[in-house]
């Protein structure tokens, strides 16, 4: 995908790591899912076998978000033109982040929310139910006090986490053997 789109450059001939893409919330439908007079891949295809991270999820245009529904269902993007159709792979993990309300403090125990109930409802309704149904895991992440972030003693360091992930991938490769499953 990267090579066919001319995104590798002369110094790289192969993508050796899983892609992580994070487009801005002002992205257009063709830039996200692909399109154009001469069909081109979009961010969902550049995220193939990787992660597409959409920060400030409700800030994306509703039409842009709705364009993800079929892609998440099929794992491919089909761009049909008058006499032909082009298919781009788009099997990716969608990670989306959003605030609980426009001001971001609806569930914060330390700061009061300044949003009215209708404002919160309008904000949350920007993401449709059918799209939310295609997202398998929903997690509310509470605000973390700054003091906890400064505590370097808590948690696991990045190198240890990296080792854990690499060991898990090795176990998975062994488990699936000759199967065509790449990740789960």
C-alpha atoms as a PDB file:
ATOM      1  CA  UNK A   1       0.000   0.000   0.000  1.00  0.00           C
ATOM      2  CA  UNK A   2       2.756   2.414   0.973  1.00  0.00           C
ATOM      3  CA  UNK A   3       4.835   1.477  -2.052  1.00  0.00           C
ATOM      4  CA  UNK A   4       1.930   1.723  -4.515  1.00  0.00           C
ATOM      5  CA  UNK A   5       1.046   5.128  -3.055  1.00  0.00           C
ATOM      6  CA  UNK A   6       4.605   6.416  -3.366  1.00  0.00           C
ATOM      7  CA  UNK A   7       4.985   6.891   0.391  1.00  0.00           C
ATOM      8  CA  UNK A   8       8.126   4.816   0.976  1.00  0.00           C
ATOM      9  CA  UNK A   9      10.776   6.994  -0.608  1.00  0.00           C
ATOM     10  CA  UNK A  10      14.118   5.757  -1.893  1.00  0.00           C
ATOM     11  CA  UNK A  11      15.652   5.053   1.511  1.00  0.00           C
ATOM     12  CA  UNK A  12      12.957   2.527   2.543  1.00  0.00           C
ATOM     13  CA  UNK A  13      11.719  -0.351   0.444  1.00  0.00           C
ATOM     14  CA  UNK A  14       9.621  -2.102   3.091  1.00  0.00           C
ATOM     15  CA  UNK A  15       7.518  -1.278   6.147  1.00  0.00           C
ATOM     16  CA  UNK A  16       8.837  -3.593   8.876  1.00  0.00           C
ATOM     17  CA  UNK A  17       6.632  -2.428  11.758  1.00  0.00           C
ATOM     18  CA  UNK A  18       2.892  -2.227  12.232  1.00  0.00           C
ATOM     19  CA  UNK A  19       1.589   1.179  11.179  1.00  0.00           C
ATOM     20  CA  UNK A  20       0.062   3.596  13.669  1.00  0.00           C
ATOM     21  CA  UNK A  21      -1.851   6.385  11.977  1.00  0.00           C
ATOM     22  CA  UNK A  22      -3.513   9.337  13.721  1.00  0.00           C
ATOM     23  CA  UNK A  23      -5.243  11.715  11.310  1.00  0.00           C
ATOM     24  CA  UNK A  24      -6.545  15.141  12.366  1.00  0.00           C
ATOM     25  CA  UNK A  25     -10.269  15.440  13.113  1.00  0.00           C
ATOM     26  CA  UNK A  26     -10.693  17.733  10.081  1.00  0.00           C
ATOM     27  CA  UNK A  27      -9.867  14.874   7.647  1.00  0.00           C
ATOM     28  CA  UNK A  28     -12.149  14.367   4.637  1.00  0.00           C
ATOM     29  CA  UNK A  29     -13.878  11.116   3.679  1.00  0.00           C
ATOM     30  CA  UNK A  30     -11.562  10.455   0.682  1.00  0.00           C
ATOM     31  CA  UNK A  31      -8.486  11.088   2.831  1.00  0.00           C
ATOM     32  CA  UNK A  32      -9.776   8.692   5.509  1.00  0.00           C
ATOM     33  CA  UNK A  33     -11.211   5.799   3.497  1.00  0.00           C
ATOM     34  CA  UNK A  34      -9.789   6.475   0.051  1.00  0.00           C
ATOM     35  CA  UNK A  35     -11.229   7.786  -3.172  1.00  0.00           C
ATOM     36  CA  UNK A  36     -10.597  10.289  -5.909  1.00  0.00           C
ATOM     37  CA  UNK A  37     -10.949  10.316  -9.697  1.00  0.00           C
ATOM     38  CA  UNK A  38      -7.961   8.019  -9.815  1.00  0.00           C
ATOM     39  CA  UNK A  39      -8.675   5.850  -6.752  1.00  0.00           C
ATOM     40  CA  UNK A  40      -6.125   6.258  -3.977  1.00  0.00           C
ATOM     41  CA  UNK A  41      -5.778   4.608  -0.583  1.00  0.00           C
ATOM     42  CA  UNK A  42      -6.842   6.480   2.544  1.00  0.00           C
ATOM     43  CA  UNK A  43      -5.723   6.388   6.171  1.00  0.00           C
ATOM     44  CA  UNK A  44      -7.689   3.193   6.858  1.00  0.00           C
ATOM     45  CA  UNK A  45      -5.597   1.361   4.251  1.00  0.00           C
ATOM     46  CA  UNK A  46      -2.350   2.901   5.513  1.00  0.00           C
ATOM     47  CA  UNK A  47      -3.401   1.484   8.912  1.00  0.00           C
ATOM     48  CA  UNK A  48      -3.809  -2.051   7.480  1.00  0.00           C
ATOM     49  CA  UNK A  49      -2.501  -4.602  10.041  1.00  0.00           C
ATOM     50  CA  UNK A  50      -1.899  -1.743  12.469  1.00  0.00           C
ATOM     51  CA  UNK A  51      -3.710   0.916  14.470  1.00  0.00           C
ATOM     52  CA  UNK A  52      -5.865   3.830  13.384  1.00  0.00           C
ATOM     53  CA  UNK A  53      -6.091   6.274  16.316  1.00  0.00           C
ATOM     54  CA  UNK A  54      -8.864   8.855  16.164  1.00  0.00           C
ATOM     55  CA  UNK A  55      -8.415  11.379  18.970  1.00  0.00           C
ATOM     56  CA  UNK A  56     -11.308  13.709  19.850  1.00  0.00           C
ATOM     57  CA  UNK A  57     -13.667  11.200  18.188  1.00  0.00           C
ATOM     58  CA  UNK A  58     -16.853  13.350  18.247  1.00  0.00           C
ATOM     59  CA  UNK A  59     -14.962  16.252  16.653  1.00  0.00           C
ATOM     60  CA  UNK A  60     -14.726  14.330  13.357  1.00  0.00           C
ATOM     61  CA  UNK A  61     -17.494  15.115  10.885  1.00  0.00           C
ATOM     62  CA  UNK A  62     -20.407  12.724  11.327  1.00  0.00           C
ATOM     63  CA  UNK A  63     -20.201  11.760   7.624  1.00  0.00           C
ATOM     64  CA  UNK A  64     -16.508  10.943   8.033  1.00  0.00           C
ATOM     65  CA  UNK A  65     -17.247   8.748  11.057  1.00  0.00           C
ATOM     66  CA  UNK A  66     -20.130   7.014   9.280  1.00  0.00           C
ATOM     67  CA  UNK A  67     -17.811   6.200   6.358  1.00  0.00           C
ATOM     68  CA  UNK A  68     -15.972   3.865   8.746  1.00  0.00           C
ATOM     69  CA  UNK A  69     -18.971   1.598   9.354  1.00  0.00           C
ATOM     70  CA  UNK A  70     -18.683  -0.565   6.241  1.00  0.00           C
ATOM     71  CA  UNK A  71     -14.887  -0.571   6.380  1.00  0.00           C
ATOM     72  CA  UNK A  72     -14.939  -1.877   9.965  1.00  0.00           C
ATOM     73  CA  UNK A  73     -17.435  -4.543   8.895  1.00  0.00           C
ATOM     74  CA  UNK A  74     -15.585  -5.721   5.757  1.00  0.00           C
ATOM     75  CA  UNK A  75     -11.897  -5.004   6.395  1.00  0.00           C
ATOM     76  CA  UNK A  76     -11.601  -3.625   2.858  1.00  0.00           C
ATOM     77  CA  UNK A  77     -12.478  -0.423   1.019  1.00  0.00           C
ATOM     78  CA  UNK A  78     -14.106  -0.712  -2.389  1.00  0.00           C
ATOM     79  CA  UNK A  79     -13.980   2.378  -4.578  1.00  0.00           C
ATOM     80  CA  UNK A  80     -16.362   1.965  -7.504  1.00  0.00           C
ATOM     81  CA  UNK A  81     -16.156   4.061 -10.635  1.00  0.00           C
ATOM     82  CA  UNK A  82     -18.230   3.943 -13.842  1.00  0.00           C
ATOM     83  CA  UNK A  83     -16.314   1.084 -15.480  1.00  0.00           C
ATOM     84  CA  UNK A  84     -14.273  -0.435 -12.685  1.00  0.00           C
ATOM     85  CA  UNK A  85     -13.837  -0.937  -8.968  1.00  0.00           C
ATOM     86  CA  UNK A  86     -10.665  -0.883  -6.892  1.00  0.00           C
ATOM     87  CA  UNK A  87     -10.275  -2.660  -3.568  1.00  0.00           C
ATOM     88  CA  UNK A  88      -7.840  -1.569  -0.856  1.00  0.00           C
ATOM     89  CA  UNK A  89      -7.160  -3.636   2.283  1.00  0.00           C
ATOM     90  CA  UNK A  90      -8.262  -2.007   5.534  1.00  0.00           C
ATOM     91  CA  UNK A  91      -8.023  -4.550   8.343  1.00  0.00           C
ATOM     92  CA  UNK A  92      -6.932  -2.394  11.274  1.00  0.00           C
ATOM     93  CA  UNK A  93      -7.550  -1.861  14.972  1.00  0.00           C
ATOM     94  CA  UNK A  94      -9.556   1.285  15.589  1.00  0.00           C
ATOM     95  CA  UNK A  95      -8.677   3.149  18.782  1.00  0.00           C
ATOM     96  CA  UNK A  96     -10.804   6.201  19.486  1.00  0.00           C
ATOM     97  CA  UNK A  97     -10.578   8.678  22.348  1.00  0.00           C
ATOM     98  CA  UNK A  98     -13.137  11.221  23.442  1.00  0.00           C
ATOM     99  CA  UNK A  99     -14.014  13.431  26.367  1.00  0.00           C
ATOM    100  CA  UNK A 100     -17.206  12.742  28.344  1.00  0.00           C
ATOM    101  CA  UNK A 101     -18.541  16.209  27.391  1.00  0.00           C
ATOM    102  CA  UNK A 102     -17.455  19.322  25.433  1.00  0.00           C
ATOM    103  CA  UNK A 103     -15.518  20.842  28.372  1.00  0.00           C
ATOM    104  CA  UNK A 104     -14.008  17.467  29.341  1.00  0.00           C
ATOM    105  CA  UNK A 105     -14.849  17.566  33.054  1.00  0.00           C
ATOM    106  CA  UNK A 106     -18.226  15.766  33.265  1.00  0.00           C
ATOM    107  CA  UNK A 107     -16.890  12.886  35.390  1.00  0.00           C
ATOM    108  CA  UNK A 108     -13.906  14.682  36.954  1.00  0.00           C
ATOM    109  CA  UNK A 109     -14.110  14.686  40.780  1.00  0.00           C
ATOM    110  CA  UNK A 110     -11.814  17.737  41.092  1.00  0.00           C
ATOM    111  CA  UNK A 111     -13.193  20.116  38.460  1.00  0.00           C
ATOM    112  CA  UNK A 112     -16.843  20.985  37.864  1.00  0.00           C
ATOM    113  CA  UNK A 113     -18.371  20.422  34.433  1.00  0.00           C
ATOM    114  CA  UNK A 114     -19.690  23.598  32.804  1.00  0.00           C
ATOM    115  CA  UNK A 115     -21.835  21.832  30.188  1.00  0.00           C
ATOM    116  CA  UNK A 116     -25.622  21.657  30.209  1.00  0.00           C
ATOM    117  CA  UNK A 117     -27.397  18.317  29.782  1.00  0.00           C
ATOM    118  CA  UNK A 118     -28.468  19.218  26.204  1.00  0.00           C
ATOM    119  CA  UNK A 119     -24.868  20.156  25.322  1.00  0.00           C
ATOM    120  CA  UNK A 120     -23.626  16.800  26.619  1.00  0.00           C
ATOM    121  CA  UNK A 121     -26.373  14.909  24.755  1.00  0.00           C
ATOM    122  CA  UNK A 122     -25.597  16.780  21.521  1.00  0.00           C
ATOM    123  CA  UNK A 123     -21.853  16.104  21.927  1.00  0.00           C
ATOM    124  CA  UNK A 124     -22.309  12.377  22.583  1.00  0.00           C
ATOM    125  CA  UNK A 125     -24.837  12.011  19.735  1.00  0.00           C
ATOM    126  CA  UNK A 126     -22.153  12.973  17.191  1.00  0.00           C
ATOM    127  CA  UNK A 127     -21.067   9.330  17.272  1.00  0.00           C
ATOM    128  CA  UNK A 128     -23.875   7.049  16.078  1.00  0.00           C
ATOM    129  CA  UNK A 129     -25.039   3.908  17.828  1.00  0.00           C
ATOM    130  CA  UNK A 130     -24.313   1.685  14.791  1.00  0.00           C
ATOM    131  CA  UNK A 131     -20.712   2.938  14.702  1.00  0.00           C
ATOM    132  CA  UNK A 132     -20.296   2.407  18.460  1.00  0.00           C
ATOM    133  CA  UNK A 133     -21.612  -1.162  18.010  1.00  0.00           C
ATOM    134  CA  UNK A 134     -18.649  -1.888  15.735  1.00  0.00           C
ATOM    135  CA  UNK A 135     -16.196  -0.929  18.491  1.00  0.00           C
ATOM    136  CA  UNK A 136     -15.721  -4.008  20.664  1.00  0.00           C
ATOM    137  CA  UNK A 137     -14.190  -2.516  23.807  1.00  0.00           C
ATOM    138  CA  UNK A 138     -15.332   0.677  25.528  1.00  0.00           C
ATOM    139  CA  UNK A 139     -13.288   1.863  28.524  1.00  0.00           C
ATOM    140  CA  UNK A 140     -13.848   4.920  30.677  1.00  0.00           C
ATOM    141  CA  UNK A 141     -10.503   6.288  31.815  1.00  0.00           C
ATOM    142  CA  UNK A 142     -10.739   8.527  34.881  1.00  0.00           C
ATOM    143  CA  UNK A 143      -8.533  11.582  35.296  1.00  0.00           C
ATOM    144  CA  UNK A 144      -5.176  10.735  36.872  1.00  0.00           C
ATOM    145  CA  UNK A 145      -3.741  13.137  39.458  1.00  0.00           C
ATOM    146  CA  UNK A 146      -0.502  14.845  38.368  1.00  0.00           C
ATOM    147  CA  UNK A 147       1.271  13.466  41.453  1.00  0.00           C
ATOM    148  CA  UNK A 148       0.572   9.914  40.276  1.00  0.00           C
ATOM    149  CA  UNK A 149       2.050  10.702  36.859  1.00  0.00           C
ATOM    150  CA  UNK A 150       5.201  12.057  38.480  1.00  0.00           C
ATOM    151  CA  UNK A 151       5.677   8.884  40.541  1.00  0.00           C
ATOM    152  CA  UNK A 152       8.278   7.055  38.466  1.00  0.00           C
ATOM    153  CA  UNK A 153       8.168   4.084  40.839  1.00  0.00           C
ATOM    154  CA  UNK A 154       4.667   3.006  39.809  1.00  0.00           C
ATOM    155  CA  UNK A 155       3.954   0.820  36.824  1.00  0.00           C
ATOM    156  CA  UNK A 156       6.070  -1.157  34.419  1.00  0.00           C
ATOM    157  CA  UNK A 157       8.827   0.448  32.379  1.00  0.00           C
ATOM    158  CA  UNK A 158       8.592   0.504  28.583  1.00  0.00           C
ATOM    159  CA  UNK A 159      11.418  -2.004  28.006  1.00  0.00           C
ATOM    160  CA  UNK A 160       9.713  -4.604  30.220  1.00  0.00           C
ATOM    161  CA  UNK A 161       6.397  -4.016  28.439  1.00  0.00           C
ATOM    162  CA  UNK A 162       8.106  -4.378  25.062  1.00  0.00           C
ATOM    163  CA  UNK A 163       9.562  -7.722  26.159  1.00  0.00           C
ATOM    164  CA  UNK A 164       6.140  -8.881  27.364  1.00  0.00           C
ATOM    165  CA  UNK A 165       4.557  -7.972  24.021  1.00  0.00           C
ATOM    166  CA  UNK A 166       7.312  -9.702  22.014  1.00  0.00           C
ATOM    167  CA  UNK A 167       6.925 -12.875  24.116  1.00  0.00           C
ATOM    168  CA  UNK A 168       3.137 -12.792  23.626  1.00  0.00           C
ATOM    169  CA  UNK A 169       3.594 -12.414  19.857  1.00  0.00           C
ATOM    170  CA  UNK A 170       5.973 -15.405  19.811  1.00  0.00           C
ATOM    171  CA  UNK A 171       3.418 -17.520  21.701  1.00  0.00           C
ATOM    172  CA  UNK A 172       0.733 -16.402  19.264  1.00  0.00           C
ATOM    173  CA  UNK A 173       2.854 -17.271  16.208  1.00  0.00           C
ATOM    174  CA  UNK A 174       3.445 -20.737  17.653  1.00  0.00           C
ATOM    175  CA  UNK A 175      -0.237 -21.157  18.532  1.00  0.00           C
ATOM    176  CA  UNK A 176      -1.466 -20.302  15.042  1.00  0.00           C
ATOM    177  CA  UNK A 177       1.343 -22.128  13.220  1.00  0.00           C
ATOM    178  CA  UNK A 178       0.516 -22.467   9.530  1.00  0.00           C
ATOM    179  CA  UNK A 179      -2.859 -20.739   9.968  1.00  0.00           C
ATOM    180  CA  UNK A 180      -3.219 -17.475   8.049  1.00  0.00           C
ATOM    181  CA  UNK A 181      -4.218 -15.574  11.203  1.00  0.00           C
ATOM    182  CA  UNK A 182      -1.808 -12.676  11.666  1.00  0.00           C
ATOM    183  CA  UNK A 183      -3.110 -11.112  14.888  1.00  0.00           C
ATOM    184  CA  UNK A 184      -6.066 -11.417  17.197  1.00  0.00           C
END
